[in-house]
Amino acid sequence: MVRIVVPAVWTPQGRTDFEGTAGPLDEVIRDFAACHPQFARRLLDADGTPLRYLNICLDDDMIPRHQRVGATVGPDTVVTIISPMAGG
């Protein structure tokens, strides 16, 4: 089972842990947004393409933005989505 973890600030209910599907990372993100439309605006642009400014980890490895198109999510992977942060 793929486990998808979203930032706690995204959900007022406090639920951060969801089930997802295995496959190419972009498809996993699109499928998750389709099943949980309350997160779609945070995950996808107007064309339905996953936003590249989000930080995404597969298990314990941060996936660089330029490698996401070729990244694959295995059946027992934890996908962690991390919001970008600004500061100074």
Foldseek 3Di string as FASTA:
>chain_A
DEWEAEDQVLDPVSDGIDDFDWWQQQVRLLRVCVVVVSCQVVAADPVSTGDLVKWKDWANRTDHSVCRRVDTHDPYIYIYIHGDDDDD
